[in-house]
N, C-alpha and C. Protein backbone atom coordinates (compact mmCIF):
# COMPACT_ATOMS: atom_id res chain seq x y z
N MET A 1 89.00 261.90 -46.41
CA MET A 1 88.09 260.53 -46.45
C MET A 1 88.78 259.55 -47.45
N ARG A 2 88.87 258.21 -47.51
CA ARG A 2 89.44 257.09 -48.17
C ARG A 2 88.33 256.36 -48.41
N LYS A 3 88.31 256.06 -49.89
CA LYS A 3 87.40 255.19 -50.29
C LYS A 3 87.62 253.97 -49.65
N GLN A 4 86.53 253.09 -49.65
CA GLN A 4 86.20 251.77 -49.63
C GLN A 4 86.32 250.79 -50.65
N ALA A 5 87.59 249.93 -50.61
CA ALA A 5 87.69 248.89 -51.81
C ALA A 5 86.21 248.74 -51.94
N ARG A 6 86.37 248.07 -53.40
CA ARG A 6 85.23 247.20 -53.73
C ARG A 6 85.28 245.72 -53.34
N GLY A 7 84.10 245.21 -53.00
CA GLY A 7 84.26 243.40 -52.75
C GLY A 7 84.70 243.56 -51.14
N LEU A 8 84.36 242.40 -50.74
CA LEU A 8 84.73 241.78 -49.24
C LEU A 8 85.51 241.62 -48.99
N SER A 9 85.53 242.05 -47.52
CA SER A 9 87.06 241.83 -47.12
C SER A 9 87.17 240.39 -46.57
N GLY A 10 88.37 240.15 -45.92
CA GLY A 10 88.59 238.62 -45.17
C GLY A 10 87.46 238.52 -44.47
N VAL A 11 87.21 239.49 -43.19
CA VAL A 11 86.49 239.34 -42.51
C VAL A 11 84.69 239.25 -42.88
N ASP A 12 84.48 240.33 -43.63
CA ASP A 12 83.11 240.29 -44.43
C ASP A 12 82.85 238.43 -45.08
N PHE A 13 83.59 238.37 -45.76
CA PHE A 13 83.53 237.16 -46.35
C PHE A 13 83.70 235.86 -45.22
N LEU A 14 84.52 236.05 -44.30
CA LEU A 14 84.31 234.63 -42.99
C LEU A 14 83.17 234.60 -42.73
N VAL A 15 82.33 235.69 -42.33
CA VAL A 15 81.10 235.89 -41.44
C VAL A 15 79.79 235.42 -42.26
N ILE A 16 80.19 235.26 -43.71
CA ILE A 16 79.05 235.02 -44.52
C ILE A 16 79.21 233.73 -44.94
N ILE A 17 80.44 233.04 -44.90
CA ILE A 17 80.64 231.73 -45.21
C ILE A 17 79.86 231.23 -44.05
N SER A 18 80.88 231.68 -42.46
CA SER A 18 80.23 231.00 -41.40
C SER A 18 78.29 230.80 -41.03
N PHE A 19 77.73 232.34 -41.75
CA PHE A 19 76.19 232.37 -41.26
C PHE A 19 75.60 230.98 -42.36
N VAL A 20 76.26 230.78 -43.53
CA VAL A 20 76.33 230.06 -44.39
C VAL A 20 76.17 228.29 -44.11
N ALA A 21 77.39 228.05 -43.40
CA ALA A 21 77.55 226.92 -42.52
C ALA A 21 76.12 226.79 -41.63
N VAL A 22 76.41 227.74 -40.86
CA VAL A 22 75.39 227.09 -39.57
C VAL A 22 73.73 227.21 -40.28
N LEU A 23 73.44 227.69 -41.12
CA LEU A 23 72.30 227.55 -41.94
C LEU A 23 71.91 225.60 -42.49
N ILE A 24 72.81 225.59 -42.51
CA ILE A 24 73.19 224.08 -43.16
C ILE A 24 72.97 222.67 -42.17
N ILE A 25 73.74 223.30 -41.23
CA ILE A 25 74.10 222.30 -39.99
C ILE A 25 72.23 222.53 -39.74
N VAL A 26 71.73 223.18 -39.41
CA VAL A 26 70.32 223.65 -38.66
C VAL A 26 69.50 222.82 -39.40
N PHE A 27 69.31 222.91 -41.17
CA PHE A 27 68.73 222.41 -41.84
C PHE A 27 68.97 221.08 -41.60
N VAL A 28 70.05 220.05 -42.10
CA VAL A 28 70.54 219.17 -42.04
C VAL A 28 70.07 218.84 -40.62
N SER A 29 69.82 219.18 -39.70
CA SER A 29 69.69 218.53 -38.12
C SER A 29 68.34 218.39 -38.03
N LEU A 30 67.62 218.81 -38.74
CA LEU A 30 66.37 219.23 -38.55
C LEU A 30 65.57 217.87 -39.51
N ARG A 31 66.04 218.00 -40.83
CA ARG A 31 65.93 216.72 -41.65
C ARG A 31 66.31 215.20 -40.95
N ALA A 32 67.35 215.67 -40.27
CA ALA A 32 67.22 214.28 -39.32
C ALA A 32 66.66 214.23 -38.08
N ALA A 33 65.93 214.97 -37.73
CA ALA A 33 65.31 215.07 -36.50
C ALA A 33 63.95 214.15 -36.77
N ALA A 34 63.57 214.87 -38.27
CA ALA A 34 62.34 214.56 -38.90
C ALA A 34 62.21 213.41 -39.25
N ALA A 35 63.25 212.58 -39.61
CA ALA A 35 63.49 211.23 -39.98
C ALA A 35 63.30 210.54 -38.96
N GLU A 36 63.98 210.79 -37.99
CA GLU A 36 64.41 209.68 -36.57
C GLU A 36 62.36 209.52 -36.22
N GLY A 37 61.63 210.34 -36.10
CA GLY A 37 60.25 210.46 -35.93
C GLY A 37 59.59 209.19 -36.75
N TYR A 38 59.98 208.91 -37.88
CA TYR A 38 59.18 208.14 -38.50
C TYR A 38 59.99 206.52 -38.49
N ASP A 39 60.66 206.29 -37.66
CA ASP A 39 61.69 204.97 -37.56
C ASP A 39 60.38 204.21 -36.91
N ARG A 40 59.51 204.35 -36.04
CA ARG A 40 58.76 203.78 -35.73
C ARG A 40 57.77 202.99 -36.54
N TYR A 41 57.55 203.57 -37.98
CA TYR A 41 56.27 203.15 -38.72
C TYR A 41 56.69 202.42 -40.08
N THR A 42 55.97 201.76 -40.33
CA THR A 42 56.12 200.59 -41.56
C THR A 42 56.42 200.95 -42.60
N LYS A 43 57.16 200.49 -43.40
CA LYS A 43 58.03 201.29 -44.50
C LYS A 43 57.69 199.83 -45.82
N VAL A 44 56.98 200.20 -46.75
CA VAL A 44 56.61 199.46 -47.89
C VAL A 44 57.29 199.78 -48.82
N GLU A 45 57.74 198.54 -49.80
CA GLU A 45 58.14 199.24 -51.13
C GLU A 45 56.77 198.74 -52.09
N LEU A 46 57.21 199.38 -52.75
CA LEU A 46 55.64 199.70 -53.98
C LEU A 46 55.91 198.85 -55.09
N GLU A 47 55.11 198.14 -55.53
CA GLU A 47 55.23 197.27 -56.95
C GLU A 47 54.40 197.78 -57.88
N HIS A 48 54.95 197.52 -59.00
CA HIS A 48 54.09 197.75 -60.68
C HIS A 48 52.70 197.81 -60.18
N GLY A 49 51.80 199.14 -60.20
CA GLY A 49 50.60 198.95 -59.84
C GLY A 49 49.87 199.49 -58.53
N ASP A 50 50.65 199.51 -57.62
CA ASP A 50 50.10 199.70 -56.18
C ASP A 50 50.04 201.28 -56.30
N THR A 51 49.34 201.54 -55.19
CA THR A 51 48.21 203.22 -55.37
C THR A 51 48.41 203.36 -53.62
N VAL A 52 48.58 204.38 -53.27
CA VAL A 52 48.93 204.92 -52.12
C VAL A 52 47.05 204.50 -51.08
N LEU A 53 46.04 204.57 -52.17
CA LEU A 53 44.88 204.12 -51.34
C LEU A 53 45.09 202.47 -51.62
N GLU A 54 45.33 201.47 -52.18
CA GLU A 54 45.21 200.49 -52.10
C GLU A 54 46.24 199.73 -50.92
N ILE A 55 47.17 200.90 -50.57
CA ILE A 55 48.26 200.86 -49.59
C ILE A 55 47.12 200.32 -47.93
N ALA A 56 46.28 202.07 -48.21
CA ALA A 56 45.70 202.54 -47.21
C ALA A 56 44.38 201.28 -46.73
N GLU A 57 43.73 201.06 -47.72
CA GLU A 57 42.76 199.81 -47.66
C GLU A 57 43.42 198.54 -47.14
N GLU A 58 44.84 198.04 -47.43
CA GLU A 58 45.26 196.56 -47.27
C GLU A 58 45.69 196.80 -45.47
N TYR A 59 46.03 198.07 -44.90
CA TYR A 59 46.56 198.16 -43.79
C TYR A 59 45.10 199.08 -43.24
N ARG A 60 44.26 198.76 -43.11
CA ARG A 60 43.17 199.51 -42.63
C ARG A 60 43.02 198.84 -41.20
N GLU A 61 43.17 197.60 -40.98
CA GLU A 61 43.09 197.08 -39.74
C GLU A 61 44.12 197.92 -38.76
N ALA A 62 45.14 198.49 -39.22
CA ALA A 62 46.25 198.78 -38.13
C ALA A 62 46.35 200.38 -38.22
N HIS A 63 45.46 200.97 -38.84
CA HIS A 63 45.47 202.32 -38.72
C HIS A 63 44.20 202.75 -38.46
N ASP A 64 43.69 203.86 -37.98
CA ASP A 64 42.15 204.50 -37.68
C ASP A 64 42.65 206.02 -38.23
N MET A 65 42.64 205.79 -39.90
CA MET A 65 42.66 207.29 -40.71
C MET A 65 41.52 206.76 -41.51
N SER A 66 40.80 208.00 -42.11
CA SER A 66 39.92 208.18 -43.14
C SER A 66 41.09 207.84 -44.32
N ASP A 67 40.70 207.63 -45.74
CA ASP A 67 41.88 207.51 -46.91
C ASP A 67 42.10 208.55 -46.93
N ARG A 68 41.46 209.66 -47.29
CA ARG A 68 42.01 210.96 -47.31
C ARG A 68 43.09 210.83 -46.50
N LYS A 69 42.71 211.10 -44.93
CA LYS A 69 43.89 211.77 -44.37
C LYS A 69 44.98 210.37 -44.02
N PHE A 70 45.09 209.19 -44.63
CA PHE A 70 46.06 208.22 -44.88
C PHE A 70 46.81 209.08 -45.83
N ILE A 71 46.18 209.00 -47.28
CA ILE A 71 46.89 209.40 -47.92
C ILE A 71 47.89 211.19 -47.55
N SER A 72 47.23 211.83 -47.19
CA SER A 72 47.85 212.92 -47.03
C SER A 72 48.85 212.78 -45.85
N TRP A 73 48.60 211.74 -44.83
CA TRP A 73 49.85 211.69 -43.83
C TRP A 73 50.99 210.75 -44.78
N VAL A 74 50.62 210.09 -45.80
CA VAL A 74 51.85 209.48 -46.55
C VAL A 74 52.77 210.52 -47.56
N GLU A 75 51.60 211.34 -48.03
CA GLU A 75 52.49 212.41 -48.64
C GLU A 75 53.53 213.33 -48.31
N GLU A 76 52.82 214.07 -47.30
CA GLU A 76 53.52 214.32 -46.02
C GLU A 76 54.73 213.93 -45.53
N ALA A 77 54.45 212.58 -45.21
CA ALA A 77 56.13 212.16 -44.45
C ALA A 77 56.81 211.65 -45.25
N ASN A 78 56.40 211.65 -46.54
CA ASN A 78 57.37 211.00 -47.60
C ASN A 78 57.74 212.12 -48.92
N ASN A 79 57.21 213.26 -48.80
CA ASN A 79 57.12 214.49 -49.25
C ASN A 79 57.29 213.97 -51.28
N ILE A 80 56.10 213.57 -50.90
CA ILE A 80 55.98 213.06 -52.57
C ILE A 80 54.52 213.35 -52.72
N ASP A 81 54.26 213.15 -54.09
CA ASP A 81 52.85 213.35 -54.17
C ASP A 81 52.05 212.29 -54.91
N ALA A 82 51.15 211.59 -53.84
CA ALA A 82 50.30 210.38 -54.26
C ALA A 82 50.16 209.74 -55.57
N ASN A 83 50.01 210.91 -56.34
CA ASN A 83 49.49 210.66 -57.55
C ASN A 83 50.74 210.17 -58.70
N TRP A 84 52.07 210.63 -58.24
CA TRP A 84 53.35 210.27 -58.36
C TRP A 84 54.30 209.48 -58.16
N ILE A 85 53.99 208.42 -57.51
CA ILE A 85 54.74 207.19 -57.22
C ILE A 85 55.05 206.33 -57.91
N THR A 86 56.13 205.19 -57.96
CA THR A 86 56.94 204.44 -59.17
C THR A 86 56.98 203.21 -58.31
N ALA A 87 57.19 202.21 -58.95
CA ALA A 87 57.45 200.93 -58.52
C ALA A 87 59.14 201.00 -58.14
N GLY A 88 59.38 200.25 -57.05
CA GLY A 88 60.45 200.54 -56.30
C GLY A 88 60.69 201.37 -55.33
N ASP A 89 59.60 202.53 -55.01
CA ASP A 89 59.72 203.36 -54.25
C ASP A 89 59.60 202.81 -52.92
N THR A 90 60.17 203.16 -51.77
CA THR A 90 59.69 203.04 -50.48
C THR A 90 59.34 204.12 -49.93
N LEU A 91 58.03 203.92 -49.14
CA LEU A 91 57.16 204.89 -47.99
C LEU A 91 56.89 204.19 -46.95
N ILE A 92 57.18 205.64 -46.16
CA ILE A 92 56.57 205.17 -44.65
C ILE A 92 55.02 205.11 -44.96
N ILE A 93 54.44 204.51 -43.91
CA ILE A 93 53.31 204.63 -44.28
C ILE A 93 52.96 204.66 -42.23
N PRO A 94 51.59 205.05 -42.07
CA PRO A 94 51.04 205.34 -40.35
C PRO A 94 50.64 203.90 -39.95
N VAL A 95 51.50 203.06 -39.73
CA VAL A 95 51.11 202.14 -39.18
C VAL A 95 52.54 201.79 -38.37
N GLU A 96 52.19 201.43 -37.15
CA GLU A 96 53.33 201.46 -36.13
C GLU A 96 53.97 199.76 -36.68
N ALA A 97 55.18 199.56 -36.86
CA ALA A 97 56.19 198.68 -37.42
C ALA A 97 56.14 197.82 -36.16
N ASN A 98 55.58 197.72 -35.27
CA ASN A 98 55.51 196.46 -34.38
C ASN A 98 53.78 196.23 -34.51
N ALA A 99 53.28 196.57 -35.26
CA ALA A 99 51.74 196.20 -35.83
C ALA A 99 52.00 195.16 -36.57
N THR A 100 52.52 194.99 -37.42
CA THR A 100 52.62 194.16 -38.27
C THR A 100 53.07 192.81 -37.71
N ALA A 101 54.27 192.85 -36.86
CA ALA A 101 54.16 191.70 -36.21
C ALA A 101 53.51 191.42 -35.54
N LEU A 102 52.39 192.08 -34.99
CA LEU A 102 51.22 191.48 -34.04
C LEU A 102 50.16 190.71 -34.84
N GLY A 103 50.18 190.31 -35.93
CA GLY A 103 49.29 189.53 -37.21
C GLY A 103 49.03 190.63 -38.17
N VAL A 104 49.11 192.02 -38.06
CA VAL A 104 48.86 192.61 -39.45
C VAL A 104 49.45 192.31 -40.54
N LYS A 105 48.39 191.79 -41.62
CA LYS A 105 49.65 191.29 -42.97
C LYS A 105 50.01 191.97 -43.64
N GLU A 106 51.82 191.43 -43.62
CA GLU A 106 52.83 192.34 -43.78
C GLU A 106 52.71 192.01 -45.58
N LYS A 107 52.88 193.66 -46.44
CA LYS A 107 52.52 193.32 -47.69
C LYS A 107 53.68 192.53 -48.36
N GLU A 108 53.14 191.80 -49.33
CA GLU A 108 54.30 190.62 -49.94
C GLU A 108 54.72 191.43 -51.53
């Protein structure tokens, strides 16, 4: 009986590379689909001193969430910790983009 050579054969290497490529494609597709789901929401650019709680209060008329639920939604949608936001960040908030066009005050 012959011993198998150490290392991967060409076919094994191609199978592994193909599998990794498929995983990357699936991951990118899922991220893109998730991002598209938030297209209808308002985006707010943070200024120095802004907090997610202040944003929740400012847009209170345009959403029907408690402050805690609003903050949790923003953290999940933006993949952030609300305690670690900085000026210049842009956040998606749970307010329909057309709600700001219908009279809810846009953040200046």
